[in-house]
Amino acid sequence: MKSRERQQIKKWISIWKDAGKMLEETRGKELVNFDYWKNWRVVDSLLDAAMKTPAPPRRKSGLVSMQDLFRKWRRASKSPT
């Protein structure tokens, strides 16, 4: 790869990183300023759609999954002696 191409790629990466930060800020502001009472029909329709979508069957309960995570974190946090 030529150095010119590398520079262009680095420039694009930088542009997209900045754009990502700006989009995240915008999304945060929109969520903070969201008025449920003005948009309750939209929110309710999204919730209805989510409730009608069949969920995949669970292989284990949420409690078991949480215990698995705690076990992994405990193992990862132990320092070797």
N, C-alpha and C. Protein backbone atom coordinates (compact mmCIF):
# COMPACT_ATOMS: atom_id res chain seq x y z
N MET A 1 0.85 -1.17 0.00
CA MET A 1 0.00 0.00 0.00
C MET A 1 0.90 1.24 0.00
N LYS A 2 0.57 2.19 -0.82
CA LYS A 2 1.37 3.41 -0.94
C LYS A 2 1.12 4.32 0.26
N SER A 3 2.11 5.17 0.54
CA SER A 3 1.98 6.06 1.70
C SER A 3 0.82 7.04 1.52
N ARG A 4 0.56 7.41 0.27
CA ARG A 4 -0.56 8.33 -0.01
C ARG A 4 -1.89 7.66 0.35
N GLU A 5 -2.02 6.39 -0.01
CA GLU A 5 -3.24 5.65 0.32
C GLU A 5 -3.39 5.51 1.84
N ARG A 6 -2.29 5.25 2.52
CA ARG A 6 -2.32 5.15 3.98
C ARG A 6 -2.78 6.46 4.61
N GLN A 7 -2.26 7.56 4.10
CA GLN A 7 -2.66 8.87 4.61
C GLN A 7 -4.15 9.11 4.42
N GLN A 8 -4.67 8.72 3.26
CA GLN A 8 -6.10 8.88 2.98
C GLN A 8 -6.93 8.02 3.93
N ILE A 9 -6.47 6.81 4.16
CA ILE A 9 -7.19 5.91 5.06
C ILE A 9 -7.18 6.48 6.48
N LYS A 10 -6.02 6.96 6.92
CA LYS A 10 -5.94 7.56 8.26
C LYS A 10 -6.85 8.78 8.38
N LYS A 11 -6.92 9.56 7.30
CA LYS A 11 -7.79 10.74 7.30
C LYS A 11 -9.25 10.31 7.43
N TRP A 12 -9.67 9.28 6.68
CA TRP A 12 -11.04 8.79 6.76
C TRP A 12 -11.35 8.25 8.15
N ILE A 13 -10.41 7.54 8.73
CA ILE A 13 -10.62 7.01 10.09
C ILE A 13 -10.83 8.16 11.06
N SER A 14 -10.01 9.18 10.95
CA SER A 14 -10.14 10.35 11.83
C SER A 14 -11.50 11.03 11.65
N ILE A 15 -11.89 11.19 10.40
CA ILE A 15 -13.20 11.82 10.11
C ILE A 15 -14.33 11.01 10.73
N TRP A 16 -14.30 9.69 10.57
CA TRP A 16 -15.37 8.85 11.10
C TRP A 16 -15.36 8.81 12.62
N LYS A 17 -14.18 8.88 13.24
CA LYS A 17 -14.12 8.95 14.70
C LYS A 17 -14.80 10.22 15.19
N ASP A 18 -14.49 11.35 14.55
CA ASP A 18 -15.11 12.62 14.93
C ASP A 18 -16.62 12.58 14.69
N ALA A 19 -17.02 12.02 13.56
CA ALA A 19 -18.45 11.92 13.26
C ALA A 19 -19.15 11.05 14.29
N GLY A 20 -18.51 9.96 14.70
CA GLY A 20 -19.09 9.08 15.70
C GLY A 20 -19.31 9.80 17.02
N LYS A 21 -18.33 10.62 17.42
CA LYS A 21 -18.47 11.38 18.66
C LYS A 21 -19.64 12.36 18.58
N MET A 22 -19.73 13.05 17.44
CA MET A 22 -20.82 14.01 17.26
C MET A 22 -22.18 13.33 17.24
N LEU A 23 -22.27 12.19 16.57
CA LEU A 23 -23.54 11.46 16.53
C LEU A 23 -23.94 10.97 17.92
N GLU A 24 -22.97 10.53 18.70
CA GLU A 24 -23.26 10.06 20.05
C GLU A 24 -23.74 11.22 20.93
N GLU A 25 -23.13 12.39 20.78
CA GLU A 25 -23.59 13.57 21.52
C GLU A 25 -25.01 13.92 21.14
N THR A 26 -25.29 13.91 19.84
CA THR A 26 -26.64 14.24 19.36
C THR A 26 -27.66 13.25 19.90
N ARG A 27 -27.31 11.97 19.86
CA ARG A 27 -28.23 10.94 20.36
C ARG A 27 -28.49 11.14 21.85
N GLY A 28 -27.44 11.46 22.60
CA GLY A 28 -27.60 11.70 24.03
C GLY A 28 -28.51 12.87 24.31
N LYS A 29 -28.32 13.96 23.57
CA LYS A 29 -29.16 15.14 23.75
C LYS A 29 -30.62 14.82 23.40
N GLU A 30 -30.81 14.07 22.32
CA GLU A 30 -32.18 13.73 21.92
C GLU A 30 -32.85 12.87 22.98
N LEU A 31 -32.11 11.95 23.58
CA LEU A 31 -32.70 11.11 24.62
C LEU A 31 -33.03 11.91 25.88
N VAL A 32 -32.14 12.83 26.24
CA VAL A 32 -32.38 13.66 27.42
C VAL A 32 -33.60 14.55 27.21
N ASN A 33 -33.74 15.09 26.02
CA ASN A 33 -34.83 16.03 25.73
C ASN A 33 -36.08 15.37 25.18
N PHE A 34 -36.11 14.05 25.15
CA PHE A 34 -37.25 13.34 24.58
C PHE A 34 -38.50 13.58 25.43
N ASP A 35 -39.58 13.94 24.79
CA ASP A 35 -40.85 14.18 25.49
C ASP A 35 -41.79 13.00 25.23
N TYR A 36 -41.91 12.15 26.24
CA TYR A 36 -42.76 10.97 26.09
C TYR A 36 -44.19 11.35 25.76
N TRP A 37 -44.72 12.35 26.43
CA TRP A 37 -46.14 12.70 26.26
C TRP A 37 -46.44 13.22 24.87
N LYS A 38 -45.45 13.78 24.18
CA LYS A 38 -45.67 14.19 22.79
C LYS A 38 -45.58 13.00 21.84
N ASN A 39 -44.82 11.98 22.25
CA ASN A 39 -44.52 10.86 21.36
C ASN A 39 -45.01 9.52 21.89
N TRP A 40 -46.00 9.54 22.77
CA TRP A 40 -46.41 8.29 23.41
C TRP A 40 -46.92 7.26 22.41
N ARG A 41 -47.54 7.71 21.32
CA ARG A 41 -48.04 6.73 20.34
C ARG A 41 -46.88 5.97 19.67
N VAL A 42 -45.82 6.69 19.36
CA VAL A 42 -44.65 6.06 18.75
C VAL A 42 -44.02 5.07 19.73
N VAL A 43 -43.85 5.50 20.98
CA VAL A 43 -43.25 4.64 21.99
C VAL A 43 -44.12 3.40 22.19
N ASP A 44 -45.41 3.59 22.32
CA ASP A 44 -46.31 2.45 22.53
C ASP A 44 -46.30 1.49 21.34
N SER A 45 -46.22 2.01 20.12
CA SER A 45 -46.19 1.12 18.97
C SER A 45 -44.88 0.33 18.93
N LEU A 46 -43.76 0.96 19.33
CA LEU A 46 -42.49 0.23 19.40
C LEU A 46 -42.55 -0.87 20.45
N LEU A 47 -43.14 -0.55 21.60
CA LEU A 47 -43.27 -1.56 22.65
C LEU A 47 -44.18 -2.70 22.22
N ASP A 48 -45.28 -2.37 21.54
CA ASP A 48 -46.18 -3.41 21.02
C ASP A 48 -45.45 -4.32 20.03
N ALA A 49 -44.67 -3.72 19.15
CA ALA A 49 -43.94 -4.51 18.16
C ALA A 49 -42.94 -5.43 18.85
N ALA A 50 -42.29 -4.93 19.89
CA ALA A 50 -41.33 -5.76 20.62
C ALA A 50 -42.02 -6.92 21.32
N MET A 51 -43.20 -6.68 21.84
CA MET A 51 -43.93 -7.75 22.54
C MET A 51 -44.46 -8.80 21.57
N LYS A 52 -44.72 -8.41 20.34
CA LYS A 52 -45.26 -9.36 19.36
C LYS A 52 -44.16 -10.19 18.69
N THR A 53 -42.92 -9.72 18.79
CA THR A 53 -41.81 -10.44 18.18
C THR A 53 -41.46 -11.64 19.04
N PRO A 54 -41.51 -12.84 18.48
CA PRO A 54 -41.20 -14.00 19.31
C PRO A 54 -39.72 -14.02 19.71
N ALA A 55 -39.50 -14.29 20.98
CA ALA A 55 -38.13 -14.36 21.49
C ALA A 55 -37.60 -15.77 21.31
N PRO A 56 -36.31 -15.89 21.07
CA PRO A 56 -35.74 -17.24 20.96
C PRO A 56 -35.83 -17.95 22.31
N PRO A 57 -35.98 -19.26 22.29
CA PRO A 57 -36.09 -19.97 23.57
C PRO A 57 -34.80 -19.84 24.37
N ARG A 58 -34.96 -19.74 25.68
CA ARG A 58 -33.81 -19.62 26.57
C ARG A 58 -33.26 -20.99 26.89
N ARG A 59 -31.94 -21.08 26.90
CA ARG A 59 -31.32 -22.33 27.29
C ARG A 59 -31.10 -22.40 28.78
N LYS A 60 -30.96 -21.22 29.41
CA LYS A 60 -30.83 -21.18 30.86
C LYS A 60 -31.42 -19.86 31.34
N SER A 61 -31.67 -19.78 32.64
CA SER A 61 -32.31 -18.59 33.18
C SER A 61 -31.32 -17.43 33.25
N GLY A 62 -31.86 -16.24 33.41
CA GLY A 62 -31.02 -15.06 33.55
C GLY A 62 -30.15 -15.13 34.78
N LEU A 63 -30.66 -15.73 35.85
CA LEU A 63 -29.90 -15.86 37.08
C LEU A 63 -28.66 -16.72 36.86
N VAL A 64 -28.82 -17.81 36.13
CA VAL A 64 -27.69 -18.69 35.86
C VAL A 64 -26.66 -17.95 35.00
N SER A 65 -27.12 -17.19 34.01
CA SER A 65 -26.20 -16.42 33.17
C SER A 65 -25.44 -15.39 34.00
N MET A 66 -26.14 -14.73 34.92
CA MET A 66 -25.50 -13.74 35.77
C MET A 66 -24.45 -14.39 36.67
N GLN A 67 -24.76 -15.57 37.21
CA GLN A 67 -23.80 -16.28 38.04
C GLN A 67 -22.57 -16.68 37.22
N ASP A 68 -22.77 -17.07 35.97
CA ASP A 68 -21.64 -17.40 35.09
C ASP A 68 -20.74 -16.19 34.90
N LEU A 69 -21.35 -15.01 34.69
CA LEU A 69 -20.56 -13.79 34.52
C LEU A 69 -19.77 -13.47 35.79
N PHE A 70 -20.42 -13.58 36.95
CA PHE A 70 -19.72 -13.32 38.20
C PHE A 70 -18.53 -14.27 38.38
N ARG A 71 -18.71 -15.51 38.01
CA ARG A 71 -17.65 -16.50 38.13
C ARG A 71 -16.47 -16.12 37.21
N LYS A 72 -16.78 -15.70 35.97
CA LYS A 72 -15.73 -15.30 35.04
C LYS A 72 -14.98 -14.07 35.56
N TRP A 73 -15.73 -13.08 36.08
CA TRP A 73 -15.10 -11.87 36.60
C TRP A 73 -14.20 -12.19 37.79
N ARG A 74 -14.66 -13.09 38.66
CA ARG A 74 -13.88 -13.45 39.83
C ARG A 74 -12.56 -14.12 39.39
N ARG A 75 -12.65 -15.03 38.42
CA ARG A 75 -11.44 -15.70 37.93
C ARG A 75 -10.49 -14.69 37.28
N ALA A 76 -11.05 -13.76 36.52
CA ALA A 76 -10.22 -12.77 35.83
C ALA A 76 -9.57 -11.80 36.81
N SER A 77 -10.22 -11.52 37.92
CA SER A 77 -9.69 -10.53 38.85
C SER A 77 -8.67 -11.12 39.81
N LYS A 78 -8.62 -12.45 39.93
CA LYS A 78 -7.63 -13.07 40.82
C LYS A 78 -6.25 -12.89 40.23
N SER A 79 -5.34 -12.43 41.08
CA SER A 79 -3.96 -12.27 40.61
C SER A 79 -3.20 -13.56 40.81
N PRO A 80 -2.33 -13.90 39.87
CA PRO A 80 -1.55 -15.14 40.02
C PRO A 80 -0.56 -15.01 41.18
N THR A 81 -0.44 -16.08 41.94
CA THR A 81 0.49 -16.06 43.08
C THR A 81 1.65 -16.98 42.88
